[in-house]
Amino acid sequence: MADGEDTTMNEISVLEAKKLILENRHNPRFVILDVRTPEEFEDQHIPGALNINISDDDFEERITNLERGEKYLVHCRSGTRSAFAVEFMTGKGFSDVTNVLGWLF
């Protein structure tokens, strides 16, 4: 860490994520962001989740166009792709972004 900057990524377990989803089910500012491929998303996804494939060429542009004041829960299959997405988002000024460590299904 440099200059006292906190670089700790906000990460939660699958169980904690499921609880967070339930607690925020009526929160219009809560966004579940699924960064898997469209094929993975089509196969199975959380109802209401937003799918932005981290491997797409326009990923950075699409993320940059999201509202920074929302609360984001970011997931993929293992937590690896979502960790990269969370790191990118926090670098772009998103302040309430959480990575799920594992598969939500």
PDB file of N, CA and C in Angstrom:
ATOM      1  N   MET A   1       0.838  -1.187   0.000  1.00  0.00           N
ATOM      2  CA  MET A   1       0.000   0.000   0.000  1.00  0.00           C
ATOM      3  C   MET A   1       0.876   1.240   0.000  1.00  0.00           C
ATOM      4  N   ALA A   2       0.437   2.191  -0.800  1.00  0.00           N
ATOM      5  CA  ALA A   2       1.180   3.438  -0.872  1.00  0.00           C
ATOM      6  C   ALA A   2       0.297   4.579  -0.386  1.00  0.00           C
ATOM      7  N   ASP A   3       0.902   5.535   0.289  1.00  0.00           N
ATOM      8  CA  ASP A   3       0.197   6.735   0.741  1.00  0.00           C
ATOM      9  C   ASP A   3      -1.042   6.427   1.577  1.00  0.00           C
ATOM     10  N   GLY A   4      -1.028   5.330   2.320  1.00  0.00           N
ATOM     11  CA  GLY A   4      -2.148   4.990   3.183  1.00  0.00           C
ATOM     12  C   GLY A   4      -3.387   4.525   2.439  1.00  0.00           C
ATOM     13  N   GLU A   5      -3.266   4.254   1.155  1.00  0.00           N
ATOM     14  CA  GLU A   5      -4.395   3.827   0.345  1.00  0.00           C
ATOM     15  C   GLU A   5      -4.773   2.392   0.683  1.00  0.00           C
ATOM     16  N   ASP A   6      -6.073   2.142   0.892  1.00  0.00           N
ATOM     17  CA  ASP A   6      -6.558   0.803   1.193  1.00  0.00           C
ATOM     18  C   ASP A   6      -6.811   0.073  -0.115  1.00  0.00           C
ATOM     19  N   THR A   7      -6.043  -0.989  -0.366  1.00  0.00           N
ATOM     20  CA  THR A   7      -6.183  -1.728  -1.607  1.00  0.00           C
ATOM     21  C   THR A   7      -6.847  -3.081  -1.383  1.00  0.00           C
ATOM     22  N   THR A   8      -7.457  -3.279  -0.222  1.00  0.00           N
ATOM     23  CA  THR A   8      -8.118  -4.534   0.083  1.00  0.00           C
ATOM     24  C   THR A   8      -9.408  -4.641  -0.719  1.00  0.00           C
ATOM     25  N   MET A   9      -9.565  -5.764  -1.422  1.00  0.00           N
ATOM     26  CA  MET A   9     -10.776  -5.987  -2.197  1.00  0.00           C
ATOM     27  C   MET A   9     -11.872  -6.504  -1.275  1.00  0.00           C
ATOM     28  N   ASN A  10     -13.073  -5.986  -1.458  1.00  0.00           N
ATOM     29  CA  ASN A  10     -14.221  -6.446  -0.695  1.00  0.00           C
ATOM     30  C   ASN A  10     -14.673  -7.776  -1.284  1.00  0.00           C
ATOM     31  N   GLU A  11     -14.516  -8.863  -0.532  1.00  0.00           N
ATOM     32  CA  GLU A  11     -14.876 -10.197  -0.995  1.00  0.00           C
ATOM     33  C   GLU A  11     -15.754 -10.883   0.047  1.00  0.00           C
ATOM     34  N   ILE A  12     -16.730 -11.648  -0.444  1.00  0.00           N
ATOM     35  CA  ILE A  12     -17.600 -12.383   0.465  1.00  0.00           C
ATOM     36  C   ILE A  12     -17.799 -13.801  -0.045  1.00  0.00           C
ATOM     37  N   SER A  13     -18.203 -14.667   0.864  1.00  0.00           N
ATOM     38  CA  SER A  13     -18.467 -16.059   0.514  1.00  0.00           C
ATOM     39  C   SER A  13     -19.796 -16.179  -0.221  1.00  0.00           C
ATOM     40  N   VAL A  14     -20.048 -17.334  -0.789  1.00  0.00           N
ATOM     41  CA  VAL A  14     -21.314 -17.599  -1.466  1.00  0.00           C
ATOM     42  C   VAL A  14     -22.474 -17.460  -0.488  1.00  0.00           C
ATOM     43  N   LEU A  15     -22.325 -17.990   0.712  1.00  0.00           N
ATOM     44  CA  LEU A  15     -23.390 -17.893   1.719  1.00  0.00           C
ATOM     45  C   LEU A  15     -23.683 -16.431   2.066  1.00  0.00           C
ATOM     46  N   GLU A  16     -22.638 -15.638   2.264  1.00  0.00           N
ATOM     47  CA  GLU A  16     -22.814 -14.214   2.554  1.00  0.00           C
ATOM     48  C   GLU A  16     -23.465 -13.491   1.369  1.00  0.00           C
ATOM     49  N   ALA A  17     -23.098 -13.887   0.144  1.00  0.00           N
ATOM     50  CA  ALA A  17     -23.674 -13.268  -1.051  1.00  0.00           C
ATOM     51  C   ALA A  17     -25.162 -13.558  -1.149  1.00  0.00           C
ATOM     52  N   LYS A  18     -25.549 -14.786  -0.864  1.00  0.00           N
ATOM     53  CA  LYS A  18     -26.967 -15.141  -0.909  1.00  0.00           C
ATOM     54  C   LYS A  18     -27.759 -14.320   0.115  1.00  0.00           C
ATOM     55  N   LYS A  19     -27.176 -14.116   1.283  1.00  0.00           N
ATOM     56  CA  LYS A  19     -27.824 -13.296   2.312  1.00  0.00           C
ATOM     57  C   LYS A  19     -27.933 -11.845   1.845  1.00  0.00           C
ATOM     58  N   LEU A  20     -26.869 -11.329   1.239  1.00  0.00           N
ATOM     59  CA  LEU A  20     -26.868  -9.959   0.736  1.00  0.00           C
ATOM     60  C   LEU A  20     -27.926  -9.766  -0.356  1.00  0.00           C
ATOM     61  N   ILE A  21     -28.076 -10.750  -1.233  1.00  0.00           N
ATOM     62  CA  ILE A  21     -29.087 -10.686  -2.286  1.00  0.00           C
ATOM     63  C   ILE A  21     -30.481 -10.625  -1.669  1.00  0.00           C
ATOM     64  N   LEU A  22     -30.734 -11.460  -0.673  1.00  0.00           N
ATOM     65  CA  LEU A  22     -32.043 -11.441   0.001  1.00  0.00           C
ATOM     66  C   LEU A  22     -32.295 -10.105   0.685  1.00  0.00           C
ATOM     67  N   GLU A  23     -31.307  -9.588   1.365  1.00  0.00           N
ATOM     68  CA  GLU A  23     -31.449  -8.313   2.077  1.00  0.00           C
ATOM     69  C   GLU A  23     -31.707  -7.144   1.125  1.00  0.00           C
ATOM     70  N   ASN A  24     -31.225  -7.259  -0.117  1.00  0.00           N
ATOM     71  CA  ASN A  24     -31.333  -6.155  -1.073  1.00  0.00           C
ATOM     72  C   ASN A  24     -32.340  -6.422  -2.186  1.00  0.00           C
ATOM     73  N   ARG A  25     -33.202  -7.410  -2.012  1.00  0.00           N
ATOM     74  CA  ARG A  25     -34.133  -7.789  -3.078  1.00  0.00           C
ATOM     75  C   ARG A  25     -35.074  -6.659  -3.477  1.00  0.00           C
ATOM     76  N   HIS A  26     -35.301  -5.697  -2.606  1.00  0.00           N
ATOM     77  CA  HIS A  26     -36.173  -4.565  -2.929  1.00  0.00           C
ATOM     78  C   HIS A  26     -35.392  -3.266  -3.099  1.00  0.00           C
ATOM     79  N   ASN A  27     -34.094  -3.364  -3.139  1.00  0.00           N
ATOM     80  CA  ASN A  27     -33.236  -2.186  -3.271  1.00  0.00           C
ATOM     81  C   ASN A  27     -32.979  -1.916  -4.757  1.00  0.00           C
ATOM     82  N   PRO A  28     -33.550  -0.856  -5.309  1.00  0.00           N
ATOM     83  CA  PRO A  28     -33.358  -0.571  -6.734  1.00  0.00           C
ATOM     84  C   PRO A  28     -31.928  -0.156  -7.088  1.00  0.00           C
ATOM     85  N   ARG A  29     -31.117   0.134  -6.084  1.00  0.00           N
ATOM     86  CA  ARG A  29     -29.727   0.538  -6.327  1.00  0.00           C
ATOM     87  C   ARG A  29     -28.741  -0.618  -6.148  1.00  0.00           C
ATOM     88  N   PHE A  30     -29.277  -1.830  -6.011  1.00  0.00           N
ATOM     89  CA  PHE A  30     -28.457  -3.036  -5.863  1.00  0.00           C
ATOM     90  C   PHE A  30     -28.403  -3.761  -7.205  1.00  0.00           C
ATOM     91  N   VAL A  31     -27.188  -3.995  -7.707  1.00  0.00           N
ATOM     92  CA  VAL A  31     -26.999  -4.615  -9.011  1.00  0.00           C
ATOM     93  C   VAL A  31     -26.167  -5.885  -8.856  1.00  0.00           C
ATOM     94  N   ILE A  32     -26.695  -6.983  -9.363  1.00  0.00           N
ATOM     95  CA  ILE A  32     -25.933  -8.227  -9.442  1.00  0.00           C
ATOM     96  C   ILE A  32     -25.307  -8.234 -10.827  1.00  0.00           C
ATOM     97  N   LEU A  33     -23.994  -8.185 -10.872  1.00  0.00           N
ATOM     98  CA  LEU A  33     -23.256  -8.132 -12.130  1.00  0.00           C
ATOM     99  C   LEU A  33     -22.589  -9.475 -12.378  1.00  0.00           C
ATOM    100  N   ASP A  34     -23.001 -10.137 -13.434  1.00  0.00           N
ATOM    101  CA  ASP A  34     -22.492 -11.445 -13.836  1.00  0.00           C
ATOM    102  C   ASP A  34     -21.516 -11.210 -14.980  1.00  0.00           C
ATOM    103  N   VAL A  35     -20.234 -11.520 -14.773  1.00  0.00           N
ATOM    104  CA  VAL A  35     -19.215 -11.221 -15.777  1.00  0.00           C
ATOM    105  C   VAL A  35     -18.816 -12.446 -16.610  1.00  0.00           C
ATOM    106  N   ARG A  36     -19.653 -13.471 -16.585  1.00  0.00           N
ATOM    107  CA  ARG A  36     -19.395 -14.682 -17.372  1.00  0.00           C
ATOM    108  C   ARG A  36     -19.792 -14.468 -18.836  1.00  0.00           C
ATOM    109  N   THR A  37     -19.538 -15.473 -19.651  1.00  0.00           N
ATOM    110  CA  THR A  37     -19.901 -15.406 -21.066  1.00  0.00           C
ATOM    111  C   THR A  37     -21.420 -15.452 -21.222  1.00  0.00           C
ATOM    112  N   PRO A  38     -21.926 -14.971 -22.354  1.00  0.00           N
ATOM    113  CA  PRO A  38     -23.373 -15.054 -22.588  1.00  0.00           C
ATOM    114  C   PRO A  38     -23.891 -16.491 -22.557  1.00  0.00           C
ATOM    115  N   GLU A  39     -23.077 -17.433 -23.002  1.00  0.00           N
ATOM    116  CA  GLU A  39     -23.479 -18.846 -22.981  1.00  0.00           C
ATOM    117  C   GLU A  39     -23.632 -19.357 -21.548  1.00  0.00           C
ATOM    118  N   GLU A  40     -22.690 -19.011 -20.694  1.00  0.00           N
ATOM    119  CA  GLU A  40     -22.784 -19.396 -19.281  1.00  0.00           C
ATOM    120  C   GLU A  40     -23.997 -18.738 -18.638  1.00  0.00           C
ATOM    121  N   PHE A  41     -24.204 -17.470 -18.958  1.00  0.00           N
ATOM    122  CA  PHE A  41     -25.326 -16.712 -18.412  1.00  0.00           C
ATOM    123  C   PHE A  41     -26.651 -17.331 -18.852  1.00  0.00           C
ATOM    124  N   GLU A  42     -26.748 -17.674 -20.122  1.00  0.00           N
ATOM    125  CA  GLU A  42     -27.971 -18.264 -20.663  1.00  0.00           C
ATOM    126  C   GLU A  42     -28.265 -19.608 -20.001  1.00  0.00           C
ATOM    127  N   ASP A  43     -27.224 -20.368 -19.741  1.00  0.00           N
ATOM    128  CA  ASP A  43     -27.384 -21.689 -19.121  1.00  0.00           C
ATOM    129  C   ASP A  43     -27.996 -21.579 -17.728  1.00  0.00           C
ATOM    130  N   GLN A  44     -27.531 -20.605 -16.951  1.00  0.00           N
ATOM    131  CA  GLN A  44     -28.043 -20.416 -15.585  1.00  0.00           C
ATOM    132  C   GLN A  44     -27.578 -19.063 -15.068  1.00  0.00           C
ATOM    133  N   HIS A  45     -28.524 -18.293 -14.528  1.00  0.00           N
ATOM    134  CA  HIS A  45     -28.170 -17.001 -13.946  1.00  0.00           C
ATOM    135  C   HIS A  45     -29.183 -16.591 -12.888  1.00  0.00           C
ATOM    136  N   ILE A  46     -28.790 -15.629 -12.110  1.00  0.00           N
ATOM    137  CA  ILE A  46     -29.657 -15.078 -11.075  1.00  0.00           C
ATOM    138  C   ILE A  46     -30.664 -14.153 -11.759  1.00  0.00           C
ATOM    139  N   PRO A  47     -31.949 -14.338 -11.502  1.00  0.00           N
ATOM    140  CA  PRO A  47     -32.949 -13.465 -12.109  1.00  0.00           C
ATOM    141  C   PRO A  47     -32.652 -11.987 -11.813  1.00  0.00           C
ATOM    142  N   GLY A  48     -32.701 -11.181 -12.856  1.00  0.00           N
ATOM    143  CA  GLY A  48     -32.450  -9.760 -12.719  1.00  0.00           C
ATOM    144  C   GLY A  48     -30.991  -9.355 -12.823  1.00  0.00           C
ATOM    145  N   ALA A  49     -30.094 -10.342 -12.930  1.00  0.00           N
ATOM    146  CA  ALA A  49     -28.666 -10.030 -13.024  1.00  0.00           C
ATOM    147  C   ALA A  49     -28.348  -9.378 -14.364  1.00  0.00           C
ATOM    148  N   LEU A  50     -27.352  -8.515 -14.345  1.00  0.00           N
ATOM    149  CA  LEU A  50     -26.840  -7.851 -15.534  1.00  0.00           C
ATOM    150  C   LEU A  50     -25.623  -8.638 -16.010  1.00  0.00           C
ATOM    151  N   ASN A  51     -25.607  -9.013 -17.287  1.00  0.00           N
ATOM    152  CA  ASN A  51     -24.492  -9.791 -17.838  1.00  0.00           C
ATOM    153  C   ASN A  51     -23.612  -8.894 -18.692  1.00  0.00           C
ATOM    154  N   ILE A  52     -22.381  -8.712 -18.248  1.00  0.00           N
ATOM    155  CA  ILE A  52     -21.360  -8.019 -19.044  1.00  0.00           C
ATOM    156  C   ILE A  52     -20.135  -8.937 -19.049  1.00  0.00           C
ATOM    157  N   ASN A  53     -19.895  -9.558 -20.182  1.00  0.00           N
ATOM    158  CA  ASN A  53     -18.814 -10.527 -20.335  1.00  0.00           C
ATOM    159  C   ASN A  53     -17.450  -9.843 -20.219  1.00  0.00           C
ATOM    160  N   ILE A  54     -16.676 -10.263 -19.241  1.00  0.00           N
ATOM    161  CA  ILE A  54     -15.362  -9.663 -19.014  1.00  0.00           C
ATOM    162  C   ILE A  54     -14.412  -9.879 -20.189  1.00  0.00           C
ATOM    163  N   SER A  55     -14.685 -10.886 -21.026  1.00  0.00           N
ATOM    164  CA  SER A  55     -13.819 -11.179 -22.173  1.00  0.00           C
ATOM    165  C   SER A  55     -14.187 -10.388 -23.425  1.00  0.00           C
ATOM    166  N   ASP A  56     -15.313  -9.682 -23.408  1.00  0.00           N
ATOM    167  CA  ASP A  56     -15.715  -8.903 -24.577  1.00  0.00           C
ATOM    168  C   ASP A  56     -14.830  -7.674 -24.757  1.00  0.00           C
ATOM    169  N   ASP A  57     -14.640  -7.285 -26.014  1.00  0.00           N
ATOM    170  CA  ASP A  57     -13.819  -6.116 -26.326  1.00  0.00           C
ATOM    171  C   ASP A  57     -14.383  -4.832 -25.729  1.00  0.00           C
ATOM    172  N   ASP A  58     -15.698  -4.780 -25.543  1.00  0.00           N
ATOM    173  CA  ASP A  58     -16.315  -3.559 -25.022  1.00  0.00           C
ATOM    174  C   ASP A  58     -16.578  -3.608 -23.516  1.00  0.00           C
ATOM    175  N   PHE A  59     -15.978  -4.569 -22.821  1.00  0.00           N
ATOM    176  CA  PHE A  59     -16.194  -4.702 -21.382  1.00  0.00           C
ATOM    177  C   PHE A  59     -15.884  -3.410 -20.639  1.00  0.00           C
ATOM    178  N   GLU A  60     -14.696  -2.857 -20.856  1.00  0.00           N
ATOM    179  CA  GLU A  60     -14.294  -1.645 -20.127  1.00  0.00           C
ATOM    180  C   GLU A  60     -15.251  -0.494 -20.409  1.00  0.00           C
ATOM    181  N   GLU A  61     -15.663  -0.330 -21.657  1.00  0.00           N
ATOM    182  CA  GLU A  61     -16.585   0.745 -22.016  1.00  0.00           C
ATOM    183  C   GLU A  61     -17.944   0.547 -21.335  1.00  0.00           C
ATOM    184  N   ARG A  62     -18.446  -0.676 -21.357  1.00  0.00           N
ATOM    185  CA  ARG A  62     -19.755  -0.943 -20.751  1.00  0.00           C
ATOM    186  C   ARG A  62     -19.720  -0.726 -19.237  1.00  0.00           C
ATOM    187  N   ILE A  63     -18.631  -1.148 -18.599  1.00  0.00           N
ATOM    188  CA  ILE A  63     -18.507  -0.948 -17.151  1.00  0.00           C
ATOM    189  C   ILE A  63     -18.396   0.541 -16.839  1.00  0.00           C
ATOM    190  N   THR A  64     -17.591   1.245 -17.599  1.00  0.00           N
ATOM    191  CA  THR A  64     -17.399   2.677 -17.376  1.00  0.00           C
ATOM    192  C   THR A  64     -18.714   3.449 -17.488  1.00  0.00           C
ATOM    193  N   ASN A  65     -19.640   2.950 -18.295  1.00  0.00           N
ATOM    194  CA  ASN A  65     -20.932   3.616 -18.480  1.00  0.00           C
ATOM    195  C   ASN A  65     -21.950   3.288 -17.385  1.00  0.00           C
ATOM    196  N   LEU A  66     -21.612   2.397 -16.457  1.00  0.00           N
ATOM    197  CA  LEU A  66     -22.525   2.073 -15.357  1.00  0.00           C
ATOM    198  C   LEU A  66     -22.551   3.204 -14.326  1.00  0.00           C
ATOM    199  N   GLU A  67     -23.616   3.258 -13.581  1.00  0.00           N
ATOM    200  CA  GLU A  67     -23.793   4.252 -12.512  1.00  0.00           C
ATOM    201  C   GLU A  67     -22.859   3.924 -11.344  1.00  0.00           C
ATOM    202  N   ARG A  68     -22.007   4.857 -10.967  1.00  0.00           N
ATOM    203  CA  ARG A  68     -21.046   4.609  -9.890  1.00  0.00           C
ATOM    204  C   ARG A  68     -21.673   4.577  -8.501  1.00  0.00           C
ATOM    205  N   GLY A  69     -22.839   5.157  -8.331  1.00  0.00           N
ATOM    206  CA  GLY A  69     -23.470   5.223  -7.017  1.00  0.00           C
ATOM    207  C   GLY A  69     -24.266   3.981  -6.626  1.00  0.00           C
ATOM    208  N   GLU A  70     -24.303   2.966  -7.485  1.00  0.00           N
ATOM    209  CA  GLU A  70     -25.044   1.750  -7.183  1.00  0.00           C
ATOM    210  C   GLU A  70     -24.196   0.830  -6.295  1.00  0.00           C
ATOM    211  N   LYS A  71     -24.855  -0.172  -5.734  1.00  0.00           N
ATOM    212  CA  LYS A  71     -24.180  -1.196  -4.934  1.00  0.00           C
ATOM    213  C   LYS A  71     -24.065  -2.433  -5.826  1.00  0.00           C
ATOM    214  N   TYR A  72     -22.843  -2.877  -6.129  1.00  0.00           N
ATOM    215  CA  TYR A  72     -22.615  -3.978  -7.064  1.00  0.00           C
ATOM    216  C   TYR A  72     -22.118  -5.236  -6.354  1.00  0.00           C
ATOM    217  N   LEU A  73     -22.760  -6.336  -6.687  1.00  0.00           N
ATOM    218  CA  LEU A  73     -22.308  -7.664  -6.278  1.00  0.00           C
ATOM    219  C   LEU A  73     -21.861  -8.350  -7.560  1.00  0.00           C
ATOM    220  N   VAL A  74     -20.578  -8.617  -7.698  1.00  0.00           N
ATOM    221  CA  VAL A  74     -20.004  -9.125  -8.946  1.00  0.00           C
ATOM    222  C   VAL A  74     -19.648 -10.594  -8.775  1.00  0.00           C
ATOM    223  N   HIS A  75     -20.082 -11.406  -9.770  1.00  0.00           N
ATOM    224  CA  HIS A  75     -19.773 -12.828  -9.666  1.00  0.00           C
ATOM    225  C   HIS A  75     -19.482 -13.454 -11.020  1.00  0.00           C
ATOM    226  N   CYS A  76     -18.831 -14.605 -10.960  1.00  0.00           N
ATOM    227  CA  CYS A  76     -18.567 -15.457 -12.116  1.00  0.00           C
ATOM    228  C   CYS A  76     -18.692 -16.891 -11.602  1.00  0.00           C
ATOM    229  N   ARG A  77     -17.935 -17.810 -12.124  1.00  0.00           N
ATOM    230  CA  ARG A  77     -18.036 -19.186 -11.640  1.00  0.00           C
ATOM    231  C   ARG A  77     -17.142 -19.434 -10.416  1.00  0.00           C
ATOM    232  N   SER A  78     -15.944 -18.901 -10.436  1.00  0.00           N
ATOM    233  CA  SER A  78     -14.999 -19.212  -9.355  1.00  0.00           C
ATOM    234  C   SER A  78     -14.607 -18.019  -8.492  1.00  0.00           C
ATOM    235  N   GLY A  79     -14.842 -16.820  -8.989  1.00  0.00           N
ATOM    236  CA  GLY A  79     -14.421 -15.622  -8.280  1.00  0.00           C
ATOM    237  C   GLY A  79     -13.194 -14.980  -8.887  1.00  0.00           C
ATOM    238  N   THR A  80     -12.618 -15.610  -9.903  1.00  0.00           N
ATOM    239  CA  THR A  80     -11.413 -15.075 -10.531  1.00  0.00           C
ATOM    240  C   THR A  80     -11.737 -13.944 -11.502  1.00  0.00           C
ATOM    241  N   ARG A  81     -12.624 -14.195 -12.454  1.00  0.00           N
ATOM    242  CA  ARG A  81     -12.994 -13.145 -13.411  1.00  0.00           C
ATOM    243  C   ARG A  81     -13.650 -11.974 -12.697  1.00  0.00           C
ATOM    244  N   SER A  82     -14.487 -12.286 -11.718  1.00  0.00           N
ATOM    245  CA  SER A  82     -15.158 -11.206 -10.986  1.00  0.00           C
ATOM    246  C   SER A  82     -14.160 -10.383 -10.187  1.00  0.00           C
ATOM    247  N   ALA A  83     -13.101 -11.003  -9.692  1.00  0.00           N
ATOM    248  CA  ALA A  83     -12.070 -10.252  -8.969  1.00  0.00           C
ATOM    249  C   ALA A  83     -11.408  -9.230  -9.898  1.00  0.00           C
ATOM    250  N   PHE A  84     -11.120  -9.632 -11.144  1.00  0.00           N
ATOM    251  CA  PHE A  84     -10.558  -8.696 -12.116  1.00  0.00           C
ATOM    252  C   PHE A  84     -11.541  -7.566 -12.399  1.00  0.00           C
ATOM    253  N   ALA A  85     -12.828  -7.897 -12.511  1.00  0.00           N
ATOM    254  CA  ALA A  85     -13.854  -6.882 -12.772  1.00  0.00           C
ATOM    255  C   ALA A  85     -13.943  -5.893 -11.608  1.00  0.00           C
ATOM    256  N   VAL A  86     -13.928  -6.412 -10.387  1.00  0.00           N
ATOM    257  CA  VAL A  86     -14.008  -5.553  -9.205  1.00  0.00           C
ATOM    258  C   VAL A  86     -12.792  -4.630  -9.135  1.00  0.00           C
ATOM    259  N   GLU A  87     -11.632  -5.167  -9.420  1.00  0.00           N
ATOM    260  CA  GLU A  87     -10.411  -4.348  -9.416  1.00  0.00           C
ATOM    261  C   GLU A  87     -10.519  -3.231 -10.454  1.00  0.00           C
ATOM    262  N   PHE A  88     -11.007  -3.568 -11.647  1.00  0.00           N
ATOM    263  CA  PHE A  88     -11.180  -2.562 -12.690  1.00  0.00           C
ATOM    264  C   PHE A  88     -12.182  -1.499 -12.247  1.00  0.00           C
ATOM    265  N   MET A  89     -13.312  -1.949 -11.698  1.00  0.00           N
ATOM    266  CA  MET A  89     -14.372  -1.026 -11.286  1.00  0.00           C
ATOM    267  C   MET A  89     -13.904  -0.077 -10.187  1.00  0.00           C
ATOM    268  N   THR A  90     -13.208  -0.597  -9.197  1.00  0.00           N
ATOM    269  CA  THR A  90     -12.741   0.279  -8.120  1.00  0.00           C
ATOM    270  C   THR A  90     -11.722   1.282  -8.655  1.00  0.00           C
ATOM    271  N   GLY A  91     -10.932   0.865  -9.638  1.00  0.00           N
ATOM    272  CA  GLY A  91      -9.983   1.778 -10.272  1.00  0.00           C
ATOM    273  C   GLY A  91     -10.659   2.880 -11.065  1.00  0.00           C
ATOM    274  N   LYS A  92     -11.903   2.650 -11.445  1.00  0.00           N
ATOM    275  CA  LYS A  92     -12.679   3.638 -12.203  1.00  0.00           C
ATOM    276  C   LYS A  92     -13.611   4.454 -11.315  1.00  0.00           C
ATOM    277  N   GLY A  93     -13.470   4.319 -10.006  1.00  0.00           N
ATOM    278  CA  GLY A  93     -14.229   5.161  -9.100  1.00  0.00           C
ATOM    279  C   GLY A  93     -15.493   4.563  -8.509  1.00  0.00           C
ATOM    280  N   PHE A  94     -15.751   3.288  -8.771  1.00  0.00           N
ATOM    281  CA  PHE A  94     -16.893   2.624  -8.134  1.00  0.00           C
ATOM    282  C   PHE A  94     -16.505   2.336  -6.690  1.00  0.00           C
ATOM    283  N   SER A  95     -17.375   2.698  -5.748  1.00  0.00           N
ATOM    284  CA  SER A  95     -16.994   2.578  -4.344  1.00  0.00           C
ATOM    285  C   SER A  95     -17.655   1.424  -3.606  1.00  0.00           C
ATOM    286  N   ASP A  96     -18.776   0.928  -4.095  1.00  0.00           N
ATOM    287  CA  ASP A  96     -19.495  -0.136  -3.391  1.00  0.00           C
ATOM    288  C   ASP A  96     -19.582  -1.368  -4.283  1.00  0.00           C
ATOM    289  N   VAL A  97     -18.462  -2.083  -4.370  1.00  0.00           N
ATOM    290  CA  VAL A  97     -18.332  -3.233  -5.262  1.00  0.00           C
ATOM    291  C   VAL A  97     -17.807  -4.411  -4.456  1.00  0.00           C
ATOM    292  N   THR A  98     -18.507  -5.540  -4.567  1.00  0.00           N
ATOM    293  CA  THR A  98     -18.139  -6.730  -3.795  1.00  0.00           C
ATOM    294  C   THR A  98     -17.973  -7.928  -4.722  1.00  0.00           C
ATOM    295  N   ASN A  99     -16.905  -8.689  -4.517  1.00  0.00           N
ATOM    296  CA  ASN A  99     -16.632  -9.904  -5.281  1.00  0.00           C
ATOM    297  C   ASN A  99     -17.135 -11.126  -4.508  1.00  0.00           C
ATOM    298  N   VAL A 100     -17.804 -12.025  -5.226  1.00  0.00           N
ATOM    299  CA  VAL A 100     -18.254 -13.290  -4.624  1.00  0.00           C
ATOM    300  C   VAL A 100     -17.184 -14.348  -4.872  1.00  0.00           C
ATOM    301  N   LEU A 101     -16.727 -14.966  -3.800  1.00  0.00           N
ATOM    302  CA  LEU A 101     -15.704 -16.000  -3.876  1.00  0.00           C
ATOM    303  C   LEU A 101     -16.343 -17.369  -4.080  1.00  0.00           C
ATOM    304  N   GLY A 102     -16.744 -17.643  -5.307  1.00  0.00           N
ATOM    305  CA  GLY A 102     -17.338 -18.938  -5.611  1.00  0.00           C
ATOM    306  C   GLY A 102     -18.588 -18.830  -6.442  1.00  0.00           C
ATOM    307  N   TRP A 103     -19.198 -19.957  -6.677  1.00  0.00           N
ATOM    308  CA  TRP A 103     -20.338 -20.104  -7.581  1.00  0.00           C
ATOM    309  C   TRP A 103     -21.626 -19.994  -6.792  1.00  0.00           C
ATOM    310  N   LEU A 104     -22.526 -19.119  -7.220  1.00  0.00           N
ATOM    311  CA  LEU A 104     -23.756 -18.847  -6.494  1.00  0.00           C
ATOM    312  C   LEU A 104     -24.852 -19.897  -6.672  1.00  0.00           C
ATOM    313  N   PHE A 105     -24.635 -20.919  -7.487  1.00  0.00           N
ATOM    314  CA  PHE A 105     -25.686 -21.921  -7.700  1.00  0.00           C
ATOM    315  C   PHE A 105     -25.353 -23.233  -7.058  1.00  0.00           C
TER     316      PHE A 105
END
